[in-house]
Amino acid sequence: MPENEKYPGEEKLIILPLGDESKKITQVISNDTARQIIELLADAPLSASDIAQSLHAPLTTVAYNLENLESVGLIKLIR
């Protein structure tokens, strides 16, 4: 099997410490619903109602996840 050109065998990898903001983002996107919302919004802007309908999820669940996604800067509300 050929070695990966990007990571030759002699180079070492380390884990960088996460800052508070990175930790918050990680917590938010660890939620399945939040990840599904991100995938939907990657295709087109949608309302909370449209997202709830697409995911077959309660509007309250969608609203909760939208608030979390917005609080860490992953989505933005446009009017």
N, C-alpha and C. Protein backbone atom coordinates (compact mmCIF):
# COMPACT_ATOMS: atom_id res chain seq x y z
N MET A 1 0.86 -1.17 0.00
CA MET A 1 0.00 0.00 0.00
C MET A 1 0.91 1.24 0.00
N PRO A 2 0.69 2.20 -0.93
CA PRO A 2 1.53 3.38 -0.96
C PRO A 2 1.25 4.31 0.22
N GLU A 3 2.32 4.96 0.69
CA GLU A 3 2.14 5.91 1.79
C GLU A 3 1.40 7.14 1.32
N ASN A 4 0.64 7.72 2.20
CA ASN A 4 -0.09 8.95 1.90
C ASN A 4 0.92 10.06 1.68
N GLU A 5 0.84 10.75 0.53
CA GLU A 5 1.80 11.79 0.21
C GLU A 5 1.69 13.00 1.15
N LYS A 6 0.50 13.29 1.62
CA LYS A 6 0.31 14.44 2.49
C LYS A 6 0.90 14.20 3.88
N TYR A 7 0.87 12.97 4.33
CA TYR A 7 1.37 12.63 5.66
C TYR A 7 2.41 11.51 5.55
N PRO A 8 3.62 11.86 5.10
CA PRO A 8 4.66 10.82 5.00
C PRO A 8 4.91 10.17 6.36
N GLY A 9 5.41 8.98 6.34
CA GLY A 9 5.56 8.18 7.55
C GLY A 9 6.38 8.79 8.66
N GLU A 10 7.32 9.66 8.37
CA GLU A 10 8.20 10.22 9.39
C GLU A 10 7.63 11.45 10.09
N GLU A 11 6.62 12.09 9.51
CA GLU A 11 6.04 13.28 10.14
C GLU A 11 5.10 12.87 11.25
N LYS A 12 5.05 13.68 12.30
CA LYS A 12 4.18 13.39 13.44
C LYS A 12 3.05 14.40 13.48
N LEU A 13 1.92 13.96 13.97
CA LEU A 13 0.74 14.80 14.10
C LEU A 13 0.45 15.02 15.57
N ILE A 14 -0.05 16.20 15.90
CA ILE A 14 -0.44 16.50 17.27
C ILE A 14 -1.86 17.03 17.28
N ILE A 15 -2.48 17.01 18.43
CA ILE A 15 -3.81 17.59 18.61
C ILE A 15 -3.61 18.98 19.20
N LEU A 16 -4.20 19.97 18.55
CA LEU A 16 -4.11 21.33 19.06
C LEU A 16 -5.18 21.55 20.12
N PRO A 17 -4.87 22.30 21.17
CA PRO A 17 -5.88 22.55 22.20
C PRO A 17 -7.04 23.38 21.63
N LEU A 18 -8.23 23.05 22.06
CA LEU A 18 -9.41 23.78 21.62
C LEU A 18 -9.64 24.98 22.51
N GLY A 19 -9.89 26.12 21.90
CA GLY A 19 -10.28 27.30 22.66
C GLY A 19 -11.73 27.20 23.05
N ASP A 20 -12.19 28.13 23.86
CA ASP A 20 -13.59 28.11 24.31
C ASP A 20 -14.56 28.15 23.14
N GLU A 21 -14.26 28.99 22.14
CA GLU A 21 -15.16 29.10 20.99
C GLU A 21 -15.24 27.79 20.22
N SER A 22 -14.10 27.13 20.03
CA SER A 22 -14.07 25.85 19.34
C SER A 22 -14.85 24.80 20.11
N LYS A 23 -14.74 24.84 21.43
CA LYS A 23 -15.49 23.88 22.25
C LYS A 23 -16.99 24.09 22.09
N LYS A 24 -17.42 25.36 22.06
CA LYS A 24 -18.85 25.65 21.89
C LYS A 24 -19.35 25.15 20.54
N ILE A 25 -18.57 25.39 19.50
CA ILE A 25 -18.96 24.94 18.16
C ILE A 25 -19.05 23.42 18.13
N THR A 26 -18.07 22.76 18.72
CA THR A 26 -18.07 21.29 18.76
C THR A 26 -19.30 20.77 19.49
N GLN A 27 -19.67 21.40 20.59
CA GLN A 27 -20.86 20.97 21.33
C GLN A 27 -22.12 21.14 20.49
N VAL A 28 -22.22 22.26 19.80
CA VAL A 28 -23.42 22.53 19.00
C VAL A 28 -23.54 21.52 17.86
N ILE A 29 -22.46 21.28 17.13
CA ILE A 29 -22.56 20.39 15.97
C ILE A 29 -22.51 18.91 16.34
N SER A 30 -22.37 18.61 17.62
CA SER A 30 -22.46 17.20 18.04
C SER A 30 -23.92 16.73 18.04
N ASN A 31 -24.84 17.66 17.93
CA ASN A 31 -26.27 17.36 17.90
C ASN A 31 -26.68 16.98 16.48
N ASP A 32 -27.32 15.81 16.32
CA ASP A 32 -27.74 15.34 14.99
C ASP A 32 -28.65 16.33 14.28
N THR A 33 -29.59 16.89 15.00
CA THR A 33 -30.53 17.84 14.39
C THR A 33 -29.79 19.07 13.90
N ALA A 34 -28.85 19.57 14.66
CA ALA A 34 -28.07 20.73 14.25
C ALA A 34 -27.30 20.44 12.96
N ARG A 35 -26.71 19.26 12.88
CA ARG A 35 -25.97 18.89 11.66
C ARG A 35 -26.91 18.78 10.47
N GLN A 36 -28.10 18.23 10.68
CA GLN A 36 -29.07 18.14 9.59
C GLN A 36 -29.52 19.52 9.14
N ILE A 37 -29.68 20.43 10.08
CA ILE A 37 -30.06 21.81 9.74
C ILE A 37 -28.96 22.46 8.90
N ILE A 38 -27.72 22.28 9.27
CA ILE A 38 -26.60 22.83 8.50
C ILE A 38 -26.62 22.29 7.08
N GLU A 39 -26.87 20.99 6.94
CA GLU A 39 -26.92 20.39 5.60
C GLU A 39 -28.04 20.99 4.77
N LEU A 40 -29.21 21.19 5.38
CA LEU A 40 -30.33 21.80 4.65
C LEU A 40 -30.01 23.23 4.23
N LEU A 41 -29.44 24.00 5.15
CA LEU A 41 -29.16 25.40 4.86
C LEU A 41 -28.00 25.58 3.88
N ALA A 42 -27.20 24.55 3.72
CA ALA A 42 -26.11 24.62 2.74
C ALA A 42 -26.67 24.67 1.33
N ASP A 43 -27.88 24.12 1.15
CA ASP A 43 -28.51 24.10 -0.17
C ASP A 43 -29.26 25.38 -0.49
N ALA A 44 -29.93 25.94 0.51
CA ALA A 44 -30.75 27.14 0.28
C ALA A 44 -31.19 27.73 1.61
N PRO A 45 -31.45 29.05 1.65
CA PRO A 45 -32.02 29.64 2.86
C PRO A 45 -33.42 29.08 3.10
N LEU A 46 -33.72 28.78 4.35
CA LEU A 46 -35.03 28.23 4.71
C LEU A 46 -35.52 28.88 6.00
N SER A 47 -36.82 28.89 6.17
CA SER A 47 -37.40 29.35 7.43
C SER A 47 -37.36 28.21 8.44
N ALA A 48 -37.55 28.55 9.70
CA ALA A 48 -37.60 27.53 10.75
C ALA A 48 -38.72 26.53 10.47
N SER A 49 -39.86 27.03 10.00
CA SER A 49 -40.99 26.14 9.68
C SER A 49 -40.63 25.18 8.55
N ASP A 50 -39.95 25.69 7.52
CA ASP A 50 -39.53 24.83 6.41
C ASP A 50 -38.58 23.74 6.89
N ILE A 51 -37.66 24.13 7.77
CA ILE A 51 -36.70 23.16 8.30
C ILE A 51 -37.42 22.10 9.12
N ALA A 52 -38.33 22.53 9.99
CA ALA A 52 -39.08 21.58 10.82
C ALA A 52 -39.85 20.60 9.95
N GLN A 53 -40.46 21.10 8.89
CA GLN A 53 -41.22 20.23 7.99
C GLN A 53 -40.29 19.25 7.27
N SER A 54 -39.16 19.73 6.79
CA SER A 54 -38.21 18.87 6.08
C SER A 54 -37.65 17.77 6.97
N LEU A 55 -37.41 18.11 8.23
CA LEU A 55 -36.82 17.14 9.16
C LEU A 55 -37.86 16.33 9.92
N HIS A 56 -39.13 16.66 9.73
CA HIS A 56 -40.20 16.02 10.51
C HIS A 56 -39.90 16.14 12.00
N ALA A 57 -39.53 17.36 12.39
CA ALA A 57 -39.15 17.64 13.78
C ALA A 57 -40.04 18.75 14.33
N PRO A 58 -40.26 18.75 15.64
CA PRO A 58 -41.04 19.84 16.23
C PRO A 58 -40.35 21.19 16.01
N LEU A 59 -41.15 22.22 15.81
CA LEU A 59 -40.62 23.56 15.60
C LEU A 59 -39.78 24.01 16.80
N THR A 60 -40.17 23.60 18.00
CA THR A 60 -39.40 23.98 19.19
C THR A 60 -37.99 23.39 19.16
N THR A 61 -37.87 22.16 18.68
CA THR A 61 -36.55 21.52 18.56
C THR A 61 -35.70 22.25 17.54
N VAL A 62 -36.30 22.59 16.42
CA VAL A 62 -35.59 23.32 15.37
C VAL A 62 -35.16 24.70 15.88
N ALA A 63 -36.08 25.40 16.55
CA ALA A 63 -35.76 26.73 17.08
C ALA A 63 -34.60 26.67 18.07
N TYR A 64 -34.61 25.67 18.94
CA TYR A 64 -33.53 25.49 19.91
C TYR A 64 -32.18 25.34 19.19
N ASN A 65 -32.16 24.49 18.18
CA ASN A 65 -30.92 24.25 17.45
C ASN A 65 -30.50 25.45 16.62
N LEU A 66 -31.46 26.17 16.06
CA LEU A 66 -31.13 27.38 15.30
C LEU A 66 -30.50 28.43 16.22
N GLU A 67 -31.04 28.58 17.42
CA GLU A 67 -30.47 29.53 18.38
C GLU A 67 -29.03 29.16 18.72
N ASN A 68 -28.79 27.87 18.93
CA ASN A 68 -27.43 27.41 19.25
C ASN A 68 -26.48 27.63 18.08
N LEU A 69 -26.93 27.30 16.88
CA LEU A 69 -26.09 27.49 15.69
C LEU A 69 -25.77 28.96 15.47
N GLU A 70 -26.77 29.81 15.69
CA GLU A 70 -26.55 31.25 15.51
C GLU A 70 -25.61 31.79 16.59
N SER A 71 -25.74 31.29 17.81
CA SER A 71 -24.92 31.80 18.92
C SER A 71 -23.43 31.55 18.72
N VAL A 72 -23.08 30.51 17.96
CA VAL A 72 -21.66 30.23 17.71
C VAL A 72 -21.23 30.71 16.32
N GLY A 73 -22.12 31.40 15.63
CA GLY A 73 -21.77 32.01 14.35
C GLY A 73 -21.79 31.08 13.15
N LEU A 74 -22.45 29.93 13.27
CA LEU A 74 -22.50 29.00 12.14
C LEU A 74 -23.62 29.33 11.15
N ILE A 75 -24.64 30.03 11.62
CA ILE A 75 -25.71 30.47 10.73
C ILE A 75 -26.03 31.92 11.05
N LYS A 76 -26.73 32.56 10.13
CA LYS A 76 -27.11 33.96 10.31
C LYS A 76 -28.55 34.13 9.89
N LEU A 77 -29.30 34.88 10.67
CA LEU A 77 -30.70 35.18 10.35
C LEU A 77 -30.75 36.32 9.35
N ILE A 78 -31.46 36.10 8.25
CA ILE A 78 -31.69 37.18 7.28
C ILE A 78 -33.18 37.40 7.17
N ARG A 79 -33.57 38.63 6.92
CA ARG A 79 -34.99 38.95 6.83
C ARG A 79 -35.33 39.41 5.45
